[in-house]
Amino acid sequence: SIKEWDVTSGECLRTLMGHTRTVKSVCLSADGQSLYSGSSDYTVGVWILKEGSLVRRMMSSLVRRNEGSLVRRMEGHSTYVKSVCASGKTVVSGSGDKTIKVWDLSTGECVNTL
């Protein structure tokens, strides 16, 4: 999971659920509207952070309305994703598989492997 914290109060503002294993890295978009995450589940997550963007049922009750929404999981690494970075419509991820992948956010496709 990913937790968003208020740096002044130390209060946890929300928990974002969607990866199936440990989250290794996160990157906030320049406009603060999206978050990108790299995980031990070998995927890159793309999250929309706008309040009210996701209403999920959990343990028979509604999760807080400010829960973030995982909108895309990009798969292609053969082991854990150690780092992510975003710029415009591109996300770059680095993995324990010794590759760097360049992703097109509009399609979710890997456009290059370095």
Protein backbone atom coordinates (compact mmCIF):
# COMPACT_ATOMS: atom_id res chain seq x y z
CA SER A 1 0.00 0.00 0.00
CA ILE A 2 0.92 3.66 -0.35
CA LYS A 3 0.25 6.15 2.42
CA GLU A 4 -0.11 9.90 2.06
CA TRP A 5 0.99 11.85 5.15
CA ASP A 6 0.39 15.39 6.35
CA VAL A 7 3.93 16.60 7.03
CA THR A 8 2.78 19.16 9.60
CA SER A 9 0.56 16.99 11.78
CA GLY A 10 2.05 13.58 10.98
CA GLU A 11 -1.48 12.30 10.27
CA CYS A 12 -2.04 9.63 7.62
CA LEU A 13 -4.44 11.22 5.13
CA ARG A 14 -5.16 8.15 2.99
CA THR A 15 -3.99 4.68 2.07
CA LEU A 16 -3.88 3.63 -1.57
CA MET A 17 -4.36 -0.08 -2.19
CA GLY A 18 -3.71 -1.84 -5.49
CA HIS A 19 -0.32 -3.53 -5.57
CA THR A 20 -0.09 -7.14 -4.47
CA ARG A 21 3.41 -6.85 -2.98
CA THR A 22 5.72 -4.24 -1.41
CA VAL A 23 5.82 -0.76 -2.98
CA LYS A 24 9.47 0.14 -3.62
CA SER A 25 9.18 3.63 -5.14
CA VAL A 26 6.72 6.47 -5.74
CA CYS A 27 6.81 9.60 -7.88
CA LEU A 28 4.32 12.49 -7.79
CA SER A 29 3.43 14.21 -11.07
CA ALA A 30 4.44 17.86 -11.48
CA ASP A 31 0.78 18.97 -11.25
CA GLY A 32 0.15 16.85 -8.13
CA GLN A 33 -2.79 15.06 -9.75
CA SER A 34 -1.16 11.66 -10.39
CA LEU A 35 1.15 9.31 -8.54
CA TYR A 36 3.33 6.59 -10.06
CA SER A 37 4.51 3.59 -8.07
CA GLY A 38 6.95 0.73 -8.56
CA SER A 39 6.40 -2.55 -6.75
CA SER A 40 7.78 -5.98 -5.91
CA ASP A 41 4.80 -7.35 -7.89
CA TYR A 42 6.84 -6.42 -11.03
CA THR A 43 4.42 -3.65 -12.06
CA VAL A 44 4.23 0.13 -12.33
CA GLY A 45 1.04 1.69 -10.97
CA VAL A 46 -0.59 4.89 -12.20
CA TRP A 47 -2.87 6.56 -9.65
CA ILE A 48 -5.34 9.46 -9.87
CA LEU A 49 -5.27 11.37 -6.58
CA LYS A 50 -8.31 13.63 -7.02
CA GLU A 51 -10.70 13.37 -4.08
CA GLY A 52 -13.69 11.17 -4.68
CA SER A 53 -12.20 9.46 -7.72
CA LEU A 54 -12.73 5.99 -6.30
CA VAL A 55 -15.44 4.50 -4.13
CA ARG A 56 -14.64 0.91 -3.14
CA ARG A 57 -16.27 -1.54 -0.85
CA MET A 58 -14.04 -2.90 1.86
CA MET A 59 -15.25 -5.05 4.75
CA SER A 60 -18.89 -4.22 3.89
CA SER A 61 -18.44 -0.46 4.27
CA LEU A 62 -17.47 2.36 1.94
CA VAL A 63 -13.85 3.43 1.99
CA ARG A 64 -13.22 7.14 2.62
CA ARG A 65 -14.19 9.31 -0.35
CA ASN A 66 -10.63 10.60 -0.69
CA GLU A 67 -9.25 7.18 -1.64
CA GLY A 68 -7.04 7.35 -4.74
CA SER A 69 -7.77 5.37 -7.85
CA LEU A 70 -5.33 2.96 -9.51
CA VAL A 71 -6.05 3.53 -13.18
CA ARG A 72 -3.37 1.48 -14.89
CA ARG A 73 -0.92 -1.31 -14.12
CA MET A 74 1.96 -1.56 -16.55
CA GLU A 75 3.54 -4.99 -16.75
CA GLY A 76 6.80 -5.95 -18.41
CA HIS A 77 9.62 -6.25 -15.89
CA SER A 78 10.66 -9.76 -14.88
CA THR A 79 11.35 -8.81 -11.25
CA TYR A 80 10.70 -5.98 -8.76
CA VAL A 81 10.49 -2.35 -9.88
CA LYS A 82 13.00 -0.30 -7.85
CA SER A 83 12.37 3.20 -9.17
CA VAL A 84 9.89 5.27 -11.16
CA CYS A 85 10.02 8.78 -12.60
CA ALA A 86 7.48 10.67 -14.71
CA SER A 87 7.62 13.51 -17.20
CA GLY A 88 4.65 14.58 -19.28
CA LYS A 89 3.11 11.50 -20.91
CA THR A 90 6.11 9.26 -20.15
CA VAL A 91 7.02 7.11 -17.15
CA VAL A 92 10.44 5.52 -16.78
CA SER A 93 10.97 2.52 -14.48
CA GLY A 94 14.10 0.78 -13.26
CA SER A 95 14.04 -2.84 -12.15
CA GLY A 96 16.05 -5.54 -10.44
CA ASP A 97 16.00 -7.28 -13.84
CA LYS A 98 18.73 -4.75 -14.84
CA THR A 99 16.51 -2.95 -17.37
CA ILE A 100 15.04 0.51 -17.66
CA LYS A 101 11.67 0.68 -19.38
CA VAL A 102 10.09 3.73 -20.97
CA TRP A 103 6.28 3.71 -20.88
CA ASP A 104 3.70 5.68 -22.87
CA LEU A 105 1.06 6.78 -20.35
CA SER A 106 -1.67 7.15 -22.96
CA THR A 107 -1.44 3.48 -24.02
CA GLY A 108 0.33 1.81 -21.10
CA GLU A 109 2.73 0.25 -23.58
CA CYS A 110 6.47 -0.11 -23.11
CA VAL A 111 8.02 1.91 -25.94
CA ASN A 112 11.67 1.21 -25.16
CA THR A 113 13.83 -1.06 -23.00
CA LEU A 114 17.36 0.04 -22.11
